[in-house]
Amino acid sequence: MKISARNQFAGVVTSVKEGAVNGVVSIETSCGKTIKADITMEAIRELGLAEGVAAVAIVKASNVMFAASAEKLAISARNQFPGKIVKVEKGAVNGRVTLETACGLRVSGSITNEAIDDLGLVEGADALAFVKSTDVMVGIEE
């Protein structure tokens, strides 16, 4: 699967919590990090998502948010990635920040240069990347 989204986390489905319209799919990556995706039950059925199925959690860089702390926050975003900033690239207005977790998972986000500066996001700094479960797409290899 080739797509433009910067963040693609391969893993295995560990649970599917079904709802009337949507369900929450938990995908465990090879390093043990679980990523939750809130997607429609129709998509869950069409993709054949169930425990043990190989899947990829996909997140666009524009859906990644950052905090200047490596501690988990008491917020509604289900997917939180504490780590260190390994790369900062600034453009004219926006930049791309890449964080690496302790297990080697890399998360890239596109945020404003102003936010990069205000949060002190520089290479080597501790930070937290987070993503709402509704911003996670799920893909499978056919």
N, C-alpha and C. Protein backbone atom coordinates (compact mmCIF):
# COMPACT_ATOMS: atom_id res chain seq x y z
N MET A 1 0.85 -1.17 0.00
CA MET A 1 0.00 0.00 0.00
C MET A 1 0.90 1.23 0.00
N LYS A 2 0.80 2.04 -1.04
CA LYS A 2 1.53 3.29 -1.11
C LYS A 2 0.53 4.42 -1.01
N ILE A 3 0.72 5.28 -0.02
CA ILE A 3 -0.15 6.44 0.15
C ILE A 3 0.70 7.62 0.61
N SER A 4 0.15 8.79 0.56
CA SER A 4 0.92 9.99 0.88
C SER A 4 1.01 10.29 2.37
N ALA A 5 0.20 9.67 3.20
CA ALA A 5 0.22 9.96 4.65
C ALA A 5 1.58 9.60 5.24
N ARG A 6 2.16 10.51 5.98
CA ARG A 6 3.49 10.34 6.57
C ARG A 6 3.53 9.26 7.64
N ASN A 7 2.45 9.08 8.37
CA ASN A 7 2.45 8.18 9.52
C ASN A 7 1.69 6.90 9.19
N GLN A 8 2.43 5.82 9.07
CA GLN A 8 1.85 4.51 8.78
C GLN A 8 2.43 3.52 9.77
N PHE A 9 1.58 2.98 10.64
CA PHE A 9 2.02 2.10 11.72
C PHE A 9 1.45 0.70 11.51
N ALA A 10 2.29 -0.21 11.06
CA ALA A 10 1.86 -1.59 10.81
C ALA A 10 1.73 -2.33 12.13
N GLY A 11 0.75 -3.22 12.19
CA GLY A 11 0.55 -4.00 13.41
C GLY A 11 -0.51 -5.06 13.22
N VAL A 12 -1.04 -5.50 14.35
CA VAL A 12 -2.07 -6.54 14.36
C VAL A 12 -3.23 -6.05 15.21
N VAL A 13 -4.45 -6.29 14.73
CA VAL A 13 -5.65 -5.91 15.47
C VAL A 13 -5.71 -6.75 16.75
N THR A 14 -5.83 -6.06 17.89
CA THR A 14 -5.94 -6.78 19.18
C THR A 14 -7.36 -6.76 19.72
N SER A 15 -8.17 -5.80 19.26
CA SER A 15 -9.58 -5.80 19.67
C SER A 15 -10.40 -4.91 18.76
N VAL A 16 -11.69 -5.23 18.68
CA VAL A 16 -12.67 -4.41 17.97
C VAL A 16 -13.85 -4.25 18.89
N LYS A 17 -14.12 -3.01 19.30
CA LYS A 17 -15.29 -2.72 20.13
C LYS A 17 -16.36 -2.18 19.21
N GLU A 18 -17.43 -2.94 19.06
CA GLU A 18 -18.47 -2.58 18.12
C GLU A 18 -19.51 -1.64 18.74
N GLY A 19 -19.95 -0.70 17.92
CA GLY A 19 -21.04 0.20 18.31
C GLY A 19 -22.12 0.13 17.24
N ALA A 20 -23.14 0.94 17.40
CA ALA A 20 -24.24 0.94 16.44
C ALA A 20 -23.79 1.44 15.07
N VAL A 21 -22.99 2.50 15.04
CA VAL A 21 -22.54 3.09 13.78
C VAL A 21 -21.02 2.97 13.63
N ASN A 22 -20.29 3.29 14.69
CA ASN A 22 -18.84 3.23 14.68
C ASN A 22 -18.33 2.17 15.64
N GLY A 23 -17.07 1.81 15.45
CA GLY A 23 -16.40 0.90 16.35
C GLY A 23 -14.99 1.41 16.61
N VAL A 24 -14.35 0.90 17.64
CA VAL A 24 -12.97 1.27 17.95
C VAL A 24 -12.10 0.05 17.71
N VAL A 25 -11.15 0.21 16.79
CA VAL A 25 -10.21 -0.85 16.45
C VAL A 25 -8.88 -0.53 17.12
N SER A 26 -8.35 -1.49 17.88
CA SER A 26 -7.04 -1.33 18.51
C SER A 26 -6.02 -2.13 17.72
N ILE A 27 -4.94 -1.45 17.30
CA ILE A 27 -3.88 -2.08 16.52
C ILE A 27 -2.60 -1.98 17.32
N GLU A 28 -1.97 -3.13 17.61
CA GLU A 28 -0.72 -3.14 18.35
C GLU A 28 0.44 -3.21 17.37
N THR A 29 1.37 -2.26 17.48
CA THR A 29 2.54 -2.22 16.60
C THR A 29 3.58 -3.23 17.08
N SER A 30 4.61 -3.43 16.28
CA SER A 30 5.65 -4.40 16.62
C SER A 30 6.40 -4.04 17.90
N CYS A 31 6.38 -2.77 18.28
CA CYS A 31 7.08 -2.38 19.52
C CYS A 31 6.14 -2.35 20.73
N GLY A 32 4.90 -2.82 20.54
CA GLY A 32 3.98 -2.91 21.66
C GLY A 32 3.10 -1.70 21.88
N LYS A 33 3.23 -0.68 21.08
CA LYS A 33 2.38 0.52 21.19
C LYS A 33 1.04 0.25 20.54
N THR A 34 -0.05 0.50 21.27
CA THR A 34 -1.40 0.30 20.73
C THR A 34 -1.94 1.62 20.21
N ILE A 35 -2.48 1.58 19.00
CA ILE A 35 -3.10 2.75 18.37
C ILE A 35 -4.57 2.44 18.17
N LYS A 36 -5.41 3.39 18.56
CA LYS A 36 -6.86 3.21 18.46
C LYS A 36 -7.42 4.04 17.31
N ALA A 37 -8.31 3.40 16.55
CA ALA A 37 -8.97 4.06 15.42
C ALA A 37 -10.48 3.94 15.59
N ASP A 38 -11.17 5.06 15.55
CA ASP A 38 -12.63 5.10 15.62
C ASP A 38 -13.13 5.21 14.18
N ILE A 39 -13.63 4.08 13.63
CA ILE A 39 -14.07 4.05 12.24
C ILE A 39 -15.47 3.43 12.17
N THR A 40 -16.11 3.53 11.02
CA THR A 40 -17.47 3.01 10.89
C THR A 40 -17.49 1.49 10.94
N MET A 41 -18.60 0.95 11.41
CA MET A 41 -18.79 -0.50 11.43
C MET A 41 -18.78 -1.04 10.00
N GLU A 42 -19.28 -0.25 9.06
CA GLU A 42 -19.26 -0.67 7.65
C GLU A 42 -17.82 -0.90 7.19
N ALA A 43 -16.91 0.02 7.54
CA ALA A 43 -15.49 -0.13 7.17
C ALA A 43 -14.87 -1.33 7.88
N ILE A 44 -15.22 -1.53 9.13
CA ILE A 44 -14.71 -2.68 9.89
C ILE A 44 -15.09 -3.98 9.19
N ARG A 45 -16.34 -4.08 8.77
CA ARG A 45 -16.81 -5.29 8.08
C ARG A 45 -16.14 -5.43 6.71
N GLU A 46 -16.10 -4.35 5.94
CA GLU A 46 -15.54 -4.40 4.58
C GLU A 46 -14.06 -4.79 4.60
N LEU A 47 -13.33 -4.33 5.62
CA LEU A 47 -11.90 -4.65 5.72
C LEU A 47 -11.65 -5.99 6.40
N GLY A 48 -12.70 -6.56 6.99
CA GLY A 48 -12.54 -7.84 7.68
C GLY A 48 -11.71 -7.72 8.95
N LEU A 49 -11.85 -6.59 9.64
CA LEU A 49 -11.05 -6.34 10.83
C LEU A 49 -11.56 -7.16 12.01
N ALA A 50 -10.67 -7.94 12.59
CA ALA A 50 -10.97 -8.77 13.75
C ALA A 50 -9.64 -9.07 14.43
N GLU A 51 -9.69 -9.57 15.65
CA GLU A 51 -8.46 -9.90 16.36
C GLU A 51 -7.57 -10.78 15.50
N GLY A 52 -6.27 -10.42 15.48
CA GLY A 52 -5.29 -11.21 14.76
C GLY A 52 -5.06 -10.80 13.32
N VAL A 53 -5.88 -9.90 12.78
CA VAL A 53 -5.73 -9.46 11.39
C VAL A 53 -4.63 -8.40 11.31
N ALA A 54 -3.72 -8.55 10.32
CA ALA A 54 -2.69 -7.54 10.09
C ALA A 54 -3.34 -6.28 9.52
N ALA A 55 -2.97 -5.12 10.05
CA ALA A 55 -3.55 -3.85 9.61
C ALA A 55 -2.54 -2.74 9.79
N VAL A 56 -2.83 -1.61 9.17
CA VAL A 56 -1.97 -0.43 9.26
C VAL A 56 -2.81 0.74 9.75
N ALA A 57 -2.34 1.38 10.83
CA ALA A 57 -2.96 2.62 11.31
C ALA A 57 -2.30 3.76 10.54
N ILE A 58 -3.12 4.63 9.97
CA ILE A 58 -2.63 5.69 9.09
C ILE A 58 -3.10 7.04 9.63
N VAL A 59 -2.15 7.99 9.74
CA VAL A 59 -2.47 9.32 10.25
C VAL A 59 -1.79 10.37 9.39
N LYS A 60 -2.57 11.30 8.85
CA LYS A 60 -1.99 12.41 8.11
C LYS A 60 -1.22 13.31 9.09
N ALA A 61 -0.13 13.88 8.62
CA ALA A 61 0.70 14.75 9.45
C ALA A 61 -0.09 15.95 9.99
N SER A 62 -1.07 16.40 9.24
CA SER A 62 -1.86 17.55 9.68
C SER A 62 -2.80 17.21 10.83
N ASN A 63 -2.95 15.92 11.15
CA ASN A 63 -3.80 15.50 12.27
C ASN A 63 -3.01 15.24 13.55
N VAL A 64 -1.71 15.44 13.51
CA VAL A 64 -0.87 15.21 14.69
C VAL A 64 -0.71 16.53 15.43
N MET A 65 -0.91 16.49 16.75
CA MET A 65 -0.71 17.66 17.60
C MET A 65 0.46 17.38 18.53
N PHE A 66 1.04 18.43 19.10
CA PHE A 66 2.19 18.27 19.98
C PHE A 66 2.01 19.04 21.28
N ALA A 67 2.67 18.55 22.32
CA ALA A 67 2.76 19.25 23.60
C ALA A 67 4.23 19.21 24.02
N ALA A 68 4.65 20.23 24.73
CA ALA A 68 6.04 20.33 25.18
C ALA A 68 6.23 19.58 26.48
N SER A 69 5.88 18.31 26.49
CA SER A 69 5.99 17.47 27.67
C SER A 69 6.04 16.03 27.20
N ALA A 70 6.85 15.20 27.85
CA ALA A 70 6.90 13.78 27.49
C ALA A 70 5.93 12.98 28.35
N GLU A 71 5.18 13.66 29.21
CA GLU A 71 4.20 13.00 30.08
C GLU A 71 2.86 12.95 29.39
N LYS A 72 2.15 11.83 29.55
CA LYS A 72 0.81 11.73 28.98
C LYS A 72 -0.08 12.82 29.58
N LEU A 73 -0.98 13.33 28.76
CA LEU A 73 -1.90 14.38 29.20
C LEU A 73 -3.27 13.80 29.49
N ALA A 74 -3.97 14.43 30.41
CA ALA A 74 -5.34 14.03 30.72
C ALA A 74 -6.26 14.74 29.73
N ILE A 75 -6.29 14.21 28.49
CA ILE A 75 -7.12 14.78 27.44
C ILE A 75 -7.84 13.63 26.73
N SER A 76 -8.76 13.97 25.87
CA SER A 76 -9.56 12.93 25.22
C SER A 76 -8.84 12.21 24.09
N ALA A 77 -7.74 12.72 23.59
CA ALA A 77 -7.01 12.04 22.51
C ALA A 77 -6.49 10.70 23.01
N ARG A 78 -6.95 9.62 22.39
CA ARG A 78 -6.60 8.26 22.82
C ARG A 78 -5.18 7.85 22.47
N ASN A 79 -4.61 8.44 21.44
CA ASN A 79 -3.29 8.05 20.98
C ASN A 79 -2.26 9.09 21.38
N GLN A 80 -1.43 8.72 22.36
CA GLN A 80 -0.42 9.63 22.85
C GLN A 80 0.95 8.97 22.73
N PHE A 81 1.91 9.71 22.16
CA PHE A 81 3.23 9.19 21.87
C PHE A 81 4.29 10.05 22.56
N PRO A 82 4.72 9.70 23.76
CA PRO A 82 5.80 10.45 24.38
C PRO A 82 7.13 10.09 23.72
N GLY A 83 8.02 11.08 23.61
CA GLY A 83 9.32 10.79 23.01
C GLY A 83 10.19 12.03 22.92
N LYS A 84 11.15 11.97 22.00
CA LYS A 84 12.07 13.08 21.78
C LYS A 84 11.94 13.55 20.33
N ILE A 85 12.09 14.85 20.15
CA ILE A 85 12.08 15.42 18.81
C ILE A 85 13.39 15.03 18.13
N VAL A 86 13.28 14.44 16.93
CA VAL A 86 14.47 14.04 16.18
C VAL A 86 14.69 14.88 14.93
N LYS A 87 13.66 15.63 14.52
CA LYS A 87 13.82 16.47 13.33
C LYS A 87 12.80 17.59 13.33
N VAL A 88 13.25 18.78 12.97
CA VAL A 88 12.37 19.94 12.79
C VAL A 88 12.74 20.59 11.47
N GLU A 89 11.76 20.70 10.58
CA GLU A 89 11.97 21.36 9.29
C GLU A 89 10.96 22.49 9.18
N LYS A 90 11.45 23.72 9.06
CA LYS A 90 10.55 24.86 8.94
C LYS A 90 10.43 25.29 7.49
N GLY A 91 9.20 25.65 7.12
CA GLY A 91 8.92 26.23 5.82
C GLY A 91 8.63 27.71 6.00
N ALA A 92 7.91 28.30 5.06
CA ALA A 92 7.59 29.72 5.14
C ALA A 92 6.63 30.02 6.29
N VAL A 93 5.63 29.15 6.51
CA VAL A 93 4.62 29.36 7.55
C VAL A 93 4.51 28.15 8.46
N ASN A 94 4.52 26.96 7.86
CA ASN A 94 4.38 25.71 8.61
C ASN A 94 5.69 24.94 8.60
N GLY A 95 5.77 24.02 9.54
CA GLY A 95 6.94 23.15 9.60
C GLY A 95 6.51 21.72 9.84
N ARG A 96 7.48 20.81 9.73
CA ARG A 96 7.22 19.41 10.04
C ARG A 96 8.12 19.02 11.19
N VAL A 97 7.49 18.42 12.20
CA VAL A 97 8.19 17.98 13.40
C VAL A 97 8.09 16.46 13.45
N THR A 98 9.23 15.80 13.70
CA THR A 98 9.24 14.35 13.82
C THR A 98 9.72 13.98 15.22
N LEU A 99 8.92 13.14 15.87
CA LEU A 99 9.19 12.67 17.23
C LEU A 99 9.47 11.16 17.14
N GLU A 100 10.38 10.69 17.99
CA GLU A 100 10.64 9.25 18.07
C GLU A 100 10.37 8.78 19.50
N THR A 101 9.59 7.71 19.61
CA THR A 101 9.27 7.14 20.92
C THR A 101 10.43 6.27 21.40
N ALA A 102 10.37 5.84 22.64
CA ALA A 102 11.42 4.99 23.22
C ALA A 102 11.59 3.69 22.44
N CYS A 103 10.51 3.20 21.83
CA CYS A 103 10.59 1.92 21.09
C CYS A 103 10.92 2.13 19.61
N GLY A 104 11.19 3.36 19.20
CA GLY A 104 11.61 3.63 17.83
C GLY A 104 10.52 4.01 16.86
N LEU A 105 9.30 4.14 17.34
CA LEU A 105 8.19 4.57 16.48
C LEU A 105 8.37 6.05 16.17
N ARG A 106 8.27 6.43 14.91
CA ARG A 106 8.39 7.84 14.53
C ARG A 106 7.03 8.39 14.14
N VAL A 107 6.73 9.60 14.65
CA VAL A 107 5.47 10.29 14.37
C VAL A 107 5.81 11.67 13.84
N SER A 108 5.29 12.00 12.67
CA SER A 108 5.55 13.30 12.07
C SER A 108 4.27 14.12 12.04
N GLY A 109 4.42 15.40 12.33
CA GLY A 109 3.27 16.29 12.33
C GLY A 109 3.60 17.59 11.63
N SER A 110 2.58 18.17 11.01
CA SER A 110 2.71 19.45 10.34
C SER A 110 2.01 20.51 11.18
N ILE A 111 2.79 21.44 11.71
CA ILE A 111 2.22 22.50 12.55
C ILE A 111 2.85 23.83 12.16
N THR A 112 2.30 24.92 12.67
CA THR A 112 2.82 26.24 12.33
C THR A 112 4.20 26.46 12.95
N ASN A 113 4.99 27.29 12.28
CA ASN A 113 6.30 27.68 12.82
C ASN A 113 6.13 28.37 14.17
N GLU A 114 5.05 29.13 14.31
CA GLU A 114 4.77 29.82 15.57
C GLU A 114 4.60 28.81 16.70
N ALA A 115 3.88 27.71 16.45
CA ALA A 115 3.69 26.67 17.46
C ALA A 115 5.01 25.98 17.77
N ILE A 116 5.81 25.72 16.75
CA ILE A 116 7.12 25.10 16.96
C ILE A 116 7.94 25.95 17.92
N ASP A 117 7.98 27.26 17.66
CA ASP A 117 8.75 28.18 18.51
C ASP A 117 8.15 28.31 19.91
N ASP A 118 6.83 28.51 19.99
CA ASP A 118 6.17 28.68 21.29
C ASP A 118 6.36 27.47 22.20
N LEU A 119 6.35 26.26 21.61
CA LEU A 119 6.49 25.03 22.40
C LEU A 119 7.94 24.64 22.63
N GLY A 120 8.86 25.32 21.97
CA GLY A 120 10.28 24.99 22.11
C GLY A 120 10.61 23.63 21.53
N LEU A 121 9.98 23.31 20.41
CA LEU A 121 10.20 22.01 19.77
C LEU A 121 11.48 22.06 18.94
N VAL A 122 12.56 21.62 19.55
CA VAL A 122 13.86 21.56 18.90
C VAL A 122 14.39 20.14 19.01
N GLU A 123 15.30 19.79 18.13
CA GLU A 123 15.87 18.44 18.17
C GLU A 123 16.44 18.14 19.55
N GLY A 124 16.08 16.98 20.08
CA GLY A 124 16.54 16.55 21.39
C GLY A 124 15.58 16.86 22.53
N ALA A 125 14.58 17.72 22.26
CA ALA A 125 13.63 18.10 23.31
C ALA A 125 12.61 16.98 23.54
N ASP A 126 12.20 16.81 24.80
CA ASP A 126 11.11 15.90 25.13
C ASP A 126 9.81 16.51 24.62
N ALA A 127 8.92 15.67 24.13
CA ALA A 127 7.63 16.16 23.64
C ALA A 127 6.63 15.02 23.63
N LEU A 128 5.39 15.38 23.38
CA LEU A 128 4.32 14.41 23.28
C LEU A 128 3.56 14.69 21.98
N ALA A 129 3.45 13.68 21.14
CA ALA A 129 2.60 13.79 19.95
C ALA A 129 1.30 13.08 20.29
N PHE A 130 0.18 13.62 19.83
CA PHE A 130 -1.09 12.95 20.10
C PHE A 130 -2.04 13.12 18.94
N VAL A 131 -2.93 12.10 18.83
CA VAL A 131 -3.86 12.02 17.71
C VAL A 131 -5.19 11.50 18.23
N LYS A 132 -6.27 12.15 17.85
CA LYS A 132 -7.60 11.65 18.20
C LYS A 132 -7.86 10.35 17.44
N SER A 133 -8.57 9.42 18.05
CA SER A 133 -8.86 8.14 17.40
C SER A 133 -9.70 8.33 16.14
N THR A 134 -10.48 9.41 16.06
CA THR A 134 -11.29 9.67 14.87
C THR A 134 -10.44 10.16 13.70
N ASP A 135 -9.18 10.50 13.95
CA ASP A 135 -8.27 10.93 12.90
C ASP A 135 -7.37 9.80 12.39
N VAL A 136 -7.62 8.59 12.88
CA VAL A 136 -6.82 7.44 12.44
C VAL A 136 -7.61 6.63 11.42
N MET A 137 -7.00 6.41 10.26
CA MET A 137 -7.57 5.55 9.23
C MET A 137 -6.94 4.17 9.37
N VAL A 138 -7.60 3.16 8.86
CA VAL A 138 -7.06 1.79 8.93
C VAL A 138 -7.01 1.23 7.51
N GLY A 139 -5.88 0.61 7.19
CA GLY A 139 -5.72 -0.03 5.89
C GLY A 139 -5.27 -1.48 6.07
N ILE A 140 -5.50 -2.26 5.04
CA ILE A 140 -5.01 -3.65 5.03
C ILE A 140 -4.38 -3.89 3.66
N GLU A 141 -3.47 -4.86 3.61
CA GLU A 141 -2.89 -5.26 2.32
C GLU A 141 -3.85 -6.24 1.68
N GLU A 142 -4.08 -6.09 0.39
CA GLU A 142 -4.99 -7.01 -0.31
C GLU A 142 -4.20 -8.11 -1.00
